[in-house]
């Protein structure tokens, strides 16, 4: 019953298992994992459900297309993501659903399948923690911002995560701790 009402379980163990063999180094530890998606996906989902409801109740095929502004924002996000250092532009254009894994050494963003959302396809970005300017979750909101090289990339949380697990809220604090540890480790290695 808990999966249908109230809080969803912490996605970190599921993300850890999914990424373990293909995307993580043997000595790498996943500290936190969250699901995110391209901005505008929630709005498109709700619009599609509304169209389906109208079609089912009236028997008349109902469809509405996104506005030019929405289409422009969608393309603009793909272009901005592709321009970030370390992101493959081809992967950025076809990405909708992602898993974000905060490890002890890097931030790993992996594209998930559109149909089988648990299946991870390819690396969207892999950045060392020391290369990231900040990671921020909007207070009371449903967005995650990751900044690198002066440019920020914004993701939204899935609509199904209405009652956010604590890992979504605590992600920036976990990131700050991991980055501080990585900087100390890097300073210790360079001083030797």
N, C-alpha and C. Protein backbone atom coordinates (compact mmCIF):
# COMPACT_ATOMS: atom_id res chain seq x y z
N UNK A 1 0.81 -1.18 0.00
CA UNK A 1 0.00 0.00 0.00
C UNK A 1 0.86 1.26 0.00
N UNK A 2 2.03 1.18 0.60
CA UNK A 2 2.90 2.34 0.71
C UNK A 2 3.41 2.84 -0.64
N UNK A 3 3.46 1.98 -1.64
CA UNK A 3 3.93 2.41 -2.96
C UNK A 3 2.87 3.23 -3.69
N UNK A 4 1.60 3.05 -3.35
CA UNK A 4 0.53 3.76 -4.05
C UNK A 4 0.15 5.06 -3.36
N UNK A 5 0.30 5.11 -2.06
CA UNK A 5 -0.09 6.29 -1.31
C UNK A 5 1.09 6.77 -0.48
N UNK A 6 1.29 8.07 -0.43
CA UNK A 6 2.34 8.62 0.42
C UNK A 6 3.71 8.55 -0.23
N UNK A 7 4.71 8.41 0.59
CA UNK A 7 6.09 8.47 0.13
C UNK A 7 6.49 7.28 -0.73
N UNK A 8 7.30 7.57 -1.73
CA UNK A 8 7.90 6.53 -2.55
C UNK A 8 9.19 6.10 -1.87
N UNK A 9 9.63 4.88 -2.12
CA UNK A 9 10.88 4.45 -1.51
C UNK A 9 12.09 5.19 -2.10
N UNK A 10 13.16 5.22 -1.35
CA UNK A 10 14.40 5.84 -1.80
C UNK A 10 14.89 5.12 -3.06
N UNK A 11 15.10 5.83 -4.17
CA UNK A 11 15.53 5.18 -5.41
C UNK A 11 17.02 4.81 -5.45
N UNK A 12 17.79 5.22 -4.45
CA UNK A 12 19.23 4.98 -4.48
C UNK A 12 19.60 3.51 -4.63
N UNK A 13 19.04 2.56 -3.85
CA UNK A 13 19.43 1.16 -4.04
C UNK A 13 19.12 0.62 -5.44
N UNK A 14 17.99 1.00 -6.01
CA UNK A 14 17.64 0.52 -7.35
C UNK A 14 18.60 1.10 -8.39
N UNK A 15 18.95 2.36 -8.26
CA UNK A 15 19.90 2.99 -9.19
C UNK A 15 21.28 2.36 -9.03
N UNK A 16 21.68 2.10 -7.80
CA UNK A 16 22.98 1.47 -7.53
C UNK A 16 23.06 0.10 -8.23
N UNK A 17 22.00 -0.70 -8.08
CA UNK A 17 21.98 -2.03 -8.72
C UNK A 17 22.01 -1.92 -10.24
N UNK A 18 21.26 -0.99 -10.79
CA UNK A 18 21.17 -0.85 -12.24
C UNK A 18 22.48 -0.38 -12.87
N UNK A 19 23.21 0.45 -12.17
CA UNK A 19 24.44 1.02 -12.73
C UNK A 19 25.70 0.22 -12.39
N UNK A 20 25.60 -0.70 -11.47
CA UNK A 20 26.77 -1.37 -10.90
C UNK A 20 27.71 -1.96 -11.95
N UNK A 21 27.24 -2.75 -12.83
CA UNK A 21 28.14 -3.48 -13.73
C UNK A 21 28.57 -2.69 -14.97
N UNK A 22 27.68 -1.89 -15.52
CA UNK A 22 27.99 -1.22 -16.78
C UNK A 22 28.60 0.16 -16.65
N UNK A 23 28.23 0.91 -15.63
CA UNK A 23 28.58 2.32 -15.60
C UNK A 23 29.48 2.74 -14.44
N UNK A 24 29.62 1.91 -13.41
CA UNK A 24 30.41 2.28 -12.24
C UNK A 24 31.74 1.55 -12.22
N UNK A 25 32.76 2.23 -11.69
CA UNK A 25 34.04 1.57 -11.45
C UNK A 25 33.88 0.61 -10.28
N UNK A 26 34.77 -0.35 -10.18
CA UNK A 26 34.67 -1.36 -9.12
C UNK A 26 34.72 -0.77 -7.72
N UNK A 27 35.56 0.26 -7.53
CA UNK A 27 35.73 0.84 -6.20
C UNK A 27 34.82 2.05 -5.95
N UNK A 28 33.91 2.31 -6.87
CA UNK A 28 33.05 3.49 -6.76
C UNK A 28 31.81 3.18 -5.93
N UNK A 29 31.46 4.12 -5.05
CA UNK A 29 30.32 3.94 -4.15
C UNK A 29 29.25 4.99 -4.48
N UNK A 30 28.01 4.54 -4.66
CA UNK A 30 26.90 5.45 -4.92
C UNK A 30 26.37 5.97 -3.58
N UNK A 31 26.47 7.28 -3.38
CA UNK A 31 26.01 7.91 -2.14
C UNK A 31 24.53 8.25 -2.21
N UNK A 32 24.06 8.65 -3.39
CA UNK A 32 22.65 9.00 -3.57
C UNK A 32 22.30 8.84 -5.04
N UNK A 33 21.04 8.51 -5.28
CA UNK A 33 20.56 8.38 -6.65
C UNK A 33 19.14 8.89 -6.74
N UNK A 34 18.84 9.65 -7.80
CA UNK A 34 17.50 10.18 -8.01
C UNK A 34 17.14 10.06 -9.49
N UNK A 35 15.83 10.05 -9.74
CA UNK A 35 15.32 10.05 -11.11
C UNK A 35 14.95 11.47 -11.49
N UNK A 36 15.32 11.89 -12.68
CA UNK A 36 14.97 13.21 -13.20
C UNK A 36 14.53 13.05 -14.66
N UNK A 37 14.02 14.13 -15.20
CA UNK A 37 13.62 14.11 -16.60
C UNK A 37 13.78 15.50 -17.19
N UNK A 38 13.71 15.54 -18.50
CA UNK A 38 13.84 16.79 -19.23
C UNK A 38 12.68 17.73 -18.86
N UNK A 39 12.92 19.03 -18.72
CA UNK A 39 11.84 19.96 -18.39
C UNK A 39 10.74 19.94 -19.45
N UNK A 40 9.49 20.00 -18.98
CA UNK A 40 8.35 19.98 -19.88
C UNK A 40 7.71 18.61 -20.01
N UNK A 41 8.36 17.59 -19.49
CA UNK A 41 7.84 16.23 -19.61
C UNK A 41 6.56 16.05 -18.79
N UNK A 42 6.51 16.61 -17.59
CA UNK A 42 5.30 16.52 -16.77
C UNK A 42 4.12 17.19 -17.47
N UNK A 43 4.36 18.35 -18.05
CA UNK A 43 3.30 19.09 -18.74
C UNK A 43 2.79 18.27 -19.93
N UNK A 44 3.68 17.66 -20.67
CA UNK A 44 3.29 16.84 -21.82
C UNK A 44 2.50 15.61 -21.37
N UNK A 45 2.89 15.03 -20.25
CA UNK A 45 2.19 13.85 -19.72
C UNK A 45 0.76 14.20 -19.34
N UNK A 46 0.59 15.31 -18.66
CA UNK A 46 -0.74 15.73 -18.24
C UNK A 46 -1.60 16.07 -19.46
N UNK A 47 -1.01 16.74 -20.45
CA UNK A 47 -1.75 17.08 -21.67
C UNK A 47 -2.18 15.84 -22.43
N UNK A 48 -1.31 14.84 -22.50
CA UNK A 48 -1.65 13.59 -23.18
C UNK A 48 -2.76 12.85 -22.47
N UNK A 49 -2.73 12.86 -21.14
CA UNK A 49 -3.79 12.19 -20.37
C UNK A 49 -5.12 12.91 -20.57
N UNK A 50 -5.10 14.23 -20.64
CA UNK A 50 -6.33 14.98 -20.88
C UNK A 50 -6.92 14.68 -22.25
N UNK A 51 -6.05 14.61 -23.26
CA UNK A 51 -6.52 14.28 -24.61
C UNK A 51 -7.12 12.88 -24.65
N UNK A 52 -6.51 11.95 -23.97
CA UNK A 52 -7.01 10.58 -23.95
C UNK A 52 -8.36 10.52 -23.24
N UNK A 53 -8.52 11.28 -22.17
CA UNK A 53 -9.79 11.31 -21.45
C UNK A 53 -10.91 11.87 -22.30
N UNK A 54 -10.63 12.93 -23.03
CA UNK A 54 -11.64 13.53 -23.90
C UNK A 54 -12.00 12.56 -25.02
N UNK A 55 -11.01 11.93 -25.61
CA UNK A 55 -11.26 10.97 -26.68
C UNK A 55 -12.09 9.79 -26.19
N UNK A 56 -11.79 9.29 -25.01
CA UNK A 56 -12.50 8.13 -24.48
C UNK A 56 -13.95 8.47 -24.12
N UNK A 57 -14.16 9.66 -23.59
CA UNK A 57 -15.52 10.00 -23.15
C UNK A 57 -16.42 10.45 -24.28
N UNK A 58 -15.87 11.05 -25.33
CA UNK A 58 -16.70 11.56 -26.41
C UNK A 58 -16.69 10.66 -27.64
N UNK A 59 -15.69 9.83 -27.76
CA UNK A 59 -15.57 8.99 -28.95
C UNK A 59 -14.99 9.74 -30.13
N UNK A 60 -14.60 10.98 -29.91
CA UNK A 60 -14.01 11.79 -30.96
C UNK A 60 -12.53 11.92 -30.67
N UNK A 61 -11.71 11.67 -31.69
CA UNK A 61 -10.27 11.75 -31.51
C UNK A 61 -9.88 13.18 -31.16
N UNK A 62 -9.25 13.34 -30.02
CA UNK A 62 -8.85 14.67 -29.54
C UNK A 62 -7.34 14.71 -29.42
N UNK A 63 -6.77 15.74 -29.96
CA UNK A 63 -5.32 15.90 -29.85
C UNK A 63 -5.01 17.39 -29.81
N UNK A 64 -4.02 17.72 -29.03
CA UNK A 64 -3.54 19.10 -29.03
C UNK A 64 -2.02 19.05 -29.07
N UNK A 65 -1.48 19.89 -29.86
CA UNK A 65 -0.02 19.94 -30.00
C UNK A 65 0.53 21.01 -29.09
N UNK A 66 1.77 20.86 -28.73
CA UNK A 66 2.42 21.87 -27.92
C UNK A 66 2.52 23.19 -28.68
N UNK A 67 2.59 24.25 -27.94
CA UNK A 67 2.71 25.56 -28.59
C UNK A 67 4.13 25.71 -29.14
N UNK A 68 4.30 26.72 -29.96
CA UNK A 68 5.64 26.98 -30.52
C UNK A 68 6.63 27.31 -29.41
N UNK A 69 6.15 27.98 -28.36
CA UNK A 69 7.03 28.30 -27.23
C UNK A 69 7.53 27.03 -26.56
N UNK A 70 6.62 26.07 -26.34
CA UNK A 70 7.01 24.81 -25.70
C UNK A 70 8.00 24.05 -26.58
N UNK A 71 7.74 24.01 -27.89
CA UNK A 71 8.65 23.32 -28.80
C UNK A 71 10.02 23.99 -28.81
N UNK A 72 10.00 25.33 -28.79
CA UNK A 72 11.25 26.09 -28.79
C UNK A 72 12.04 25.81 -27.51
N UNK A 73 11.34 25.77 -26.36
CA UNK A 73 12.02 25.48 -25.09
C UNK A 73 12.61 24.08 -25.09
N UNK A 74 11.88 23.12 -25.66
CA UNK A 74 12.36 21.74 -25.73
C UNK A 74 13.66 21.66 -26.54
N UNK A 75 13.68 22.30 -27.70
CA UNK A 75 14.87 22.29 -28.56
C UNK A 75 16.00 23.08 -27.93
N UNK A 76 15.65 24.19 -27.28
CA UNK A 76 16.66 25.02 -26.63
C UNK A 76 17.36 24.26 -25.50
N UNK A 77 16.60 23.47 -24.73
CA UNK A 77 17.19 22.68 -23.65
C UNK A 77 18.16 21.65 -24.22
N UNK A 78 17.77 20.97 -25.29
CA UNK A 78 18.64 19.98 -25.92
C UNK A 78 19.93 20.59 -26.43
N UNK A 79 19.84 21.78 -27.00
CA UNK A 79 21.02 22.47 -27.50
C UNK A 79 21.91 22.92 -26.35
N UNK A 80 21.30 23.49 -25.29
CA UNK A 80 22.08 23.94 -24.13
C UNK A 80 22.77 22.75 -23.45
N UNK A 81 22.07 21.63 -23.35
CA UNK A 81 22.67 20.45 -22.73
C UNK A 81 23.83 19.93 -23.58
N UNK A 82 23.66 19.93 -24.89
CA UNK A 82 24.72 19.47 -25.79
C UNK A 82 25.94 20.35 -25.79
N UNK A 83 25.76 21.63 -25.43
CA UNK A 83 26.89 22.56 -25.39
C UNK A 83 27.70 22.48 -24.10
N UNK A 84 27.16 21.84 -23.08
CA UNK A 84 27.92 21.70 -21.83
C UNK A 84 29.10 20.78 -22.04
N UNK A 85 30.25 21.10 -21.44
CA UNK A 85 31.41 20.22 -21.57
C UNK A 85 31.12 18.84 -20.98
N UNK A 86 31.46 17.81 -21.72
CA UNK A 86 31.29 16.45 -21.24
C UNK A 86 29.96 15.82 -21.58
N UNK A 87 29.10 16.54 -22.32
CA UNK A 87 27.80 15.98 -22.72
C UNK A 87 27.83 15.76 -24.23
N UNK A 88 27.46 14.55 -24.65
CA UNK A 88 27.38 14.23 -26.07
C UNK A 88 26.12 14.88 -26.64
N UNK A 89 26.23 15.77 -27.63
CA UNK A 89 25.05 16.47 -28.17
C UNK A 89 24.01 15.52 -28.75
N UNK A 90 24.44 14.42 -29.35
CA UNK A 90 23.50 13.46 -29.92
C UNK A 90 22.68 12.80 -28.82
N UNK A 91 23.33 12.42 -27.73
CA UNK A 91 22.63 11.82 -26.59
C UNK A 91 21.70 12.84 -25.94
N UNK A 92 22.14 14.09 -25.86
CA UNK A 92 21.33 15.15 -25.23
C UNK A 92 20.01 15.36 -25.98
N UNK A 93 20.04 15.27 -27.31
CA UNK A 93 18.82 15.50 -28.08
C UNK A 93 17.80 14.40 -27.91
N UNK A 94 18.23 13.18 -27.65
CA UNK A 94 17.28 12.08 -27.53
C UNK A 94 16.97 11.69 -26.09
N UNK A 95 17.46 12.46 -25.15
CA UNK A 95 17.26 12.14 -23.74
C UNK A 95 15.98 12.77 -23.20
N UNK A 96 15.19 11.95 -22.51
CA UNK A 96 14.02 12.45 -21.79
C UNK A 96 14.15 12.08 -20.31
N UNK A 97 14.37 10.81 -20.03
CA UNK A 97 14.44 10.31 -18.66
C UNK A 97 15.89 9.98 -18.30
N UNK A 98 16.29 10.38 -17.07
CA UNK A 98 17.66 10.12 -16.62
C UNK A 98 17.68 9.65 -15.17
N UNK A 99 18.77 9.00 -14.83
CA UNK A 99 19.10 8.71 -13.43
C UNK A 99 20.33 9.52 -13.10
N UNK A 100 20.31 10.16 -11.94
CA UNK A 100 21.47 10.92 -11.47
C UNK A 100 22.05 10.14 -10.29
N UNK A 101 23.31 9.76 -10.41
CA UNK A 101 23.98 9.03 -9.34
C UNK A 101 25.13 9.88 -8.81
N UNK A 102 25.08 10.19 -7.54
CA UNK A 102 26.16 10.90 -6.86
C UNK A 102 27.05 9.85 -6.25
N UNK A 103 28.28 9.74 -6.74
CA UNK A 103 29.23 8.78 -6.19
C UNK A 103 30.25 9.52 -5.36
N UNK A 104 31.19 8.79 -4.81
CA UNK A 104 32.22 9.41 -4.00
C UNK A 104 33.23 10.20 -4.83
N UNK A 105 33.24 10.03 -6.16
CA UNK A 105 34.21 10.73 -7.00
C UNK A 105 33.60 11.58 -8.10
N UNK A 106 32.38 11.23 -8.53
CA UNK A 106 31.80 11.94 -9.68
C UNK A 106 30.28 11.99 -9.61
N UNK A 107 29.72 12.81 -10.49
CA UNK A 107 28.29 12.88 -10.69
C UNK A 107 28.02 12.23 -12.04
N UNK A 108 27.22 11.20 -12.03
CA UNK A 108 26.96 10.41 -13.23
C UNK A 108 25.50 10.56 -13.63
N UNK A 109 25.26 11.00 -14.85
CA UNK A 109 23.91 11.12 -15.39
C UNK A 109 23.78 10.12 -16.52
N UNK A 110 22.81 9.21 -16.40
CA UNK A 110 22.65 8.13 -17.36
C UNK A 110 21.25 8.20 -17.96
N UNK A 111 21.19 8.12 -19.27
CA UNK A 111 19.91 8.14 -19.98
C UNK A 111 19.18 6.83 -19.74
N UNK A 112 17.87 6.95 -19.42
CA UNK A 112 17.04 5.77 -19.22
C UNK A 112 16.14 5.57 -20.44
N UNK A 113 15.71 4.36 -20.63
CA UNK A 113 14.82 4.02 -21.73
C UNK A 113 13.48 4.72 -21.58
N UNK A 114 12.86 5.08 -22.70
CA UNK A 114 11.54 5.72 -22.65
C UNK A 114 10.46 4.72 -22.26
N UNK A 115 10.58 3.50 -22.75
CA UNK A 115 9.56 2.49 -22.49
C UNK A 115 9.84 1.76 -21.17
N UNK A 116 11.01 1.19 -21.06
CA UNK A 116 11.41 0.48 -19.84
C UNK A 116 12.29 1.42 -19.03
N UNK A 117 11.68 2.26 -18.22
CA UNK A 117 12.42 3.34 -17.57
C UNK A 117 13.47 2.85 -16.59
N UNK A 118 13.43 1.57 -16.23
CA UNK A 118 14.46 1.04 -15.36
C UNK A 118 15.73 0.66 -16.10
N UNK A 119 15.64 0.53 -17.42
CA UNK A 119 16.79 0.12 -18.22
C UNK A 119 17.62 1.35 -18.59
N UNK A 120 18.87 1.31 -18.22
CA UNK A 120 19.77 2.43 -18.48
C UNK A 120 20.50 2.19 -19.79
N UNK A 121 20.48 3.19 -20.66
CA UNK A 121 20.99 3.03 -22.01
C UNK A 121 22.44 3.48 -22.19
N UNK A 122 22.70 4.75 -21.87
CA UNK A 122 24.03 5.30 -22.15
C UNK A 122 24.30 6.48 -21.22
N UNK A 123 25.57 6.83 -21.13
CA UNK A 123 25.98 7.93 -20.26
C UNK A 123 25.63 9.26 -20.92
N UNK A 124 24.87 10.07 -20.21
CA UNK A 124 24.54 11.42 -20.65
C UNK A 124 25.70 12.35 -20.32
N UNK A 125 26.21 12.23 -19.08
CA UNK A 125 27.37 13.02 -18.64
C UNK A 125 28.01 12.34 -17.45
N UNK A 126 29.30 12.49 -17.34
CA UNK A 126 30.05 11.99 -16.19
C UNK A 126 31.07 13.06 -15.83
N UNK A 127 30.82 13.74 -14.69
CA UNK A 127 31.68 14.84 -14.28
C UNK A 127 32.29 14.55 -12.92
N UNK A 128 33.57 14.86 -12.78
CA UNK A 128 34.20 14.79 -11.46
C UNK A 128 33.52 15.81 -10.55
N UNK A 129 33.44 15.50 -9.29
CA UNK A 129 32.76 16.40 -8.36
C UNK A 129 33.40 17.78 -8.31
N UNK A 130 34.71 17.82 -8.47
CA UNK A 130 35.43 19.10 -8.40
C UNK A 130 35.18 19.98 -9.63
N UNK A 131 34.60 19.42 -10.70
CA UNK A 131 34.32 20.18 -11.91
C UNK A 131 32.96 20.88 -11.87
N UNK A 132 32.13 20.56 -10.88
CA UNK A 132 30.77 21.07 -10.82
C UNK A 132 30.72 22.30 -9.92
N UNK A 133 30.08 23.36 -10.41
CA UNK A 133 29.96 24.60 -9.63
C UNK A 133 28.98 24.43 -8.48
N UNK A 134 27.78 23.95 -8.78
CA UNK A 134 26.80 23.71 -7.72
C UNK A 134 25.74 22.72 -8.20
N UNK A 135 25.05 22.17 -7.23
CA UNK A 135 23.90 21.30 -7.46
C UNK A 135 22.82 21.80 -6.52
N UNK A 136 21.65 22.16 -7.07
CA UNK A 136 20.63 22.81 -6.25
C UNK A 136 19.26 22.21 -6.54
N UNK A 137 18.52 21.93 -5.47
CA UNK A 137 17.13 21.51 -5.57
C UNK A 137 16.29 22.70 -5.16
N UNK A 138 15.33 23.08 -6.03
CA UNK A 138 14.49 24.24 -5.74
C UNK A 138 13.67 23.97 -4.47
N UNK A 139 13.67 24.94 -3.58
CA UNK A 139 12.95 24.79 -2.31
C UNK A 139 11.45 24.71 -2.58
N UNK A 140 10.85 23.63 -2.15
CA UNK A 140 9.42 23.43 -2.35
C UNK A 140 9.05 23.18 -3.81
N UNK A 141 10.04 23.04 -4.65
CA UNK A 141 9.77 22.85 -6.07
C UNK A 141 10.06 21.44 -6.52
N UNK A 142 10.12 21.27 -7.80
CA UNK A 142 10.37 19.94 -8.33
C UNK A 142 11.47 19.96 -9.39
N UNK A 143 12.47 20.83 -9.20
CA UNK A 143 13.56 20.90 -10.18
C UNK A 143 14.91 20.69 -9.52
N UNK A 144 15.82 20.20 -10.32
CA UNK A 144 17.21 20.00 -9.93
C UNK A 144 18.07 20.78 -10.92
N UNK A 145 18.94 21.66 -10.42
CA UNK A 145 19.84 22.44 -11.26
C UNK A 145 21.26 21.99 -11.02
N UNK A 146 21.97 21.74 -12.11
CA UNK A 146 23.39 21.37 -12.04
C UNK A 146 24.15 22.38 -12.87
N UNK A 147 25.14 23.03 -12.27
CA UNK A 147 25.91 24.04 -12.98
C UNK A 147 27.35 23.56 -13.14
N UNK A 148 27.86 23.75 -14.34
CA UNK A 148 29.25 23.39 -14.63
C UNK A 148 29.76 24.39 -15.66
N UNK A 149 30.90 24.96 -15.38
CA UNK A 149 31.51 25.91 -16.32
C UNK A 149 30.67 27.16 -16.54
N UNK A 150 29.94 27.58 -15.52
CA UNK A 150 29.15 28.80 -15.62
C UNK A 150 27.78 28.61 -16.27
N UNK A 151 27.49 27.42 -16.78
CA UNK A 151 26.18 27.16 -17.39
C UNK A 151 25.41 26.17 -16.53
N UNK A 152 24.12 26.44 -16.33
CA UNK A 152 23.29 25.56 -15.51
C UNK A 152 22.36 24.75 -16.40
N UNK A 153 22.14 23.53 -16.01
CA UNK A 153 21.21 22.64 -16.69
C UNK A 153 20.13 22.26 -15.69
N UNK A 154 18.88 22.46 -16.06
CA UNK A 154 17.76 22.23 -15.14
C UNK A 154 17.01 20.97 -15.57
N UNK A 155 16.71 20.13 -14.60
CA UNK A 155 15.90 18.93 -14.80
C UNK A 155 14.68 19.04 -13.90
N UNK A 156 13.62 18.30 -14.22
CA UNK A 156 12.48 18.25 -13.33
C UNK A 156 12.34 16.85 -12.77
N UNK A 157 11.74 16.77 -11.59
CA UNK A 157 11.49 15.47 -10.98
C UNK A 157 10.24 14.87 -11.61
N UNK A 158 10.15 13.55 -11.69
CA UNK A 158 8.96 12.93 -12.28
C UNK A 158 7.70 13.28 -11.51
N UNK A 159 6.59 13.32 -12.22
CA UNK A 159 5.31 13.63 -11.61
C UNK A 159 4.92 12.59 -10.57
N UNK A 160 5.37 11.36 -10.77
CA UNK A 160 5.04 10.28 -9.84
C UNK A 160 5.69 10.46 -8.48
N UNK A 161 6.62 11.39 -8.38
CA UNK A 161 7.31 11.62 -7.12
C UNK A 161 6.68 12.82 -6.42
N UNK A 162 5.37 12.78 -6.28
CA UNK A 162 4.66 13.89 -5.65
C UNK A 162 5.11 14.07 -4.20
N UNK A 163 5.28 12.96 -3.50
CA UNK A 163 5.78 12.99 -2.14
C UNK A 163 7.26 12.61 -2.20
N UNK A 164 8.11 13.60 -2.29
CA UNK A 164 9.54 13.36 -2.50
C UNK A 164 10.16 12.60 -1.34
N UNK A 165 11.02 11.67 -1.67
CA UNK A 165 11.80 10.99 -0.65
C UNK A 165 12.87 11.96 -0.16
N UNK A 166 13.37 11.71 1.01
CA UNK A 166 14.35 12.62 1.61
C UNK A 166 15.61 12.78 0.77
N UNK A 167 15.96 11.75 -0.01
CA UNK A 167 17.19 11.84 -0.80
C UNK A 167 17.11 12.97 -1.82
N UNK A 168 15.92 13.29 -2.33
CA UNK A 168 15.77 14.40 -3.27
C UNK A 168 16.06 15.74 -2.60
N UNK A 169 15.59 15.89 -1.39
CA UNK A 169 15.79 17.14 -0.65
C UNK A 169 17.22 17.24 -0.12
N UNK A 170 17.79 16.13 0.29
CA UNK A 170 19.13 16.12 0.88
C UNK A 170 20.25 16.03 -0.15
N UNK A 171 19.93 15.89 -1.42
CA UNK A 171 20.95 15.73 -2.46
C UNK A 171 21.99 16.86 -2.46
N UNK A 172 21.60 18.14 -2.38
CA UNK A 172 22.62 19.19 -2.36
C UNK A 172 23.58 19.08 -1.17
N UNK A 173 23.07 18.74 0.00
CA UNK A 173 23.94 18.60 1.18
C UNK A 173 24.88 17.41 1.01
N UNK A 174 24.37 16.31 0.48
CA UNK A 174 25.22 15.14 0.21
C UNK A 174 26.28 15.48 -0.82
N UNK A 175 25.89 16.25 -1.84
CA UNK A 175 26.84 16.69 -2.86
C UNK A 175 27.95 17.55 -2.25
N UNK A 176 27.56 18.50 -1.38
CA UNK A 176 28.56 19.37 -0.75
C UNK A 176 29.55 18.56 0.08
N UNK A 177 29.06 17.58 0.84
CA UNK A 177 29.95 16.73 1.64
C UNK A 177 30.89 15.93 0.75
N UNK A 178 30.35 15.33 -0.31
CA UNK A 178 31.17 14.52 -1.21
C UNK A 178 32.21 15.38 -1.93
N UNK A 179 31.82 16.61 -2.32
CA UNK A 179 32.75 17.49 -3.00
C UNK A 179 33.86 17.95 -2.06
N UNK A 180 33.52 18.25 -0.81
CA UNK A 180 34.54 18.64 0.17
C UNK A 180 35.53 17.50 0.39
N UNK A 181 35.01 16.28 0.46
CA UNK A 181 35.87 15.11 0.63
C UNK A 181 36.77 14.92 -0.60
N UNK A 182 36.21 15.11 -1.79
CA UNK A 182 37.00 14.97 -3.03
C UNK A 182 38.08 16.03 -3.11
N UNK A 183 37.78 17.24 -2.69
CA UNK A 183 38.79 18.31 -2.71
C UNK A 183 39.91 18.03 -1.72
N UNK A 184 39.54 17.54 -0.51
CA UNK A 184 40.58 17.18 0.47
C UNK A 184 41.45 16.05 -0.06
N UNK A 185 40.83 15.09 -0.68
CA UNK A 185 41.57 13.95 -1.25
C UNK A 185 42.50 14.41 -2.36
N UNK A 186 42.01 15.33 -3.21
CA UNK A 186 42.83 15.84 -4.31
C UNK A 186 44.00 16.68 -3.76
N UNK A 187 43.73 17.49 -2.74
CA UNK A 187 44.80 18.29 -2.12
C UNK A 187 45.83 17.40 -1.46
N UNK A 188 45.38 16.30 -0.83
CA UNK A 188 46.30 15.37 -0.20
C UNK A 188 47.18 14.65 -1.21
N UNK A 189 46.62 14.30 -2.36
CA UNK A 189 47.38 13.64 -3.41
C UNK A 189 48.36 14.57 -4.09
N UNK A 190 48.00 15.84 -4.28
CA UNK A 190 48.90 16.79 -4.93
C UNK A 190 50.01 17.24 -3.98
N UNK A 191 49.75 17.17 -2.68
CA UNK A 191 50.77 17.57 -1.70
C UNK A 191 51.81 16.50 -1.46
N UNK A 192 51.51 15.26 -1.86
CA UNK A 192 52.46 14.14 -1.63
C UNK A 192 53.59 14.15 -2.60
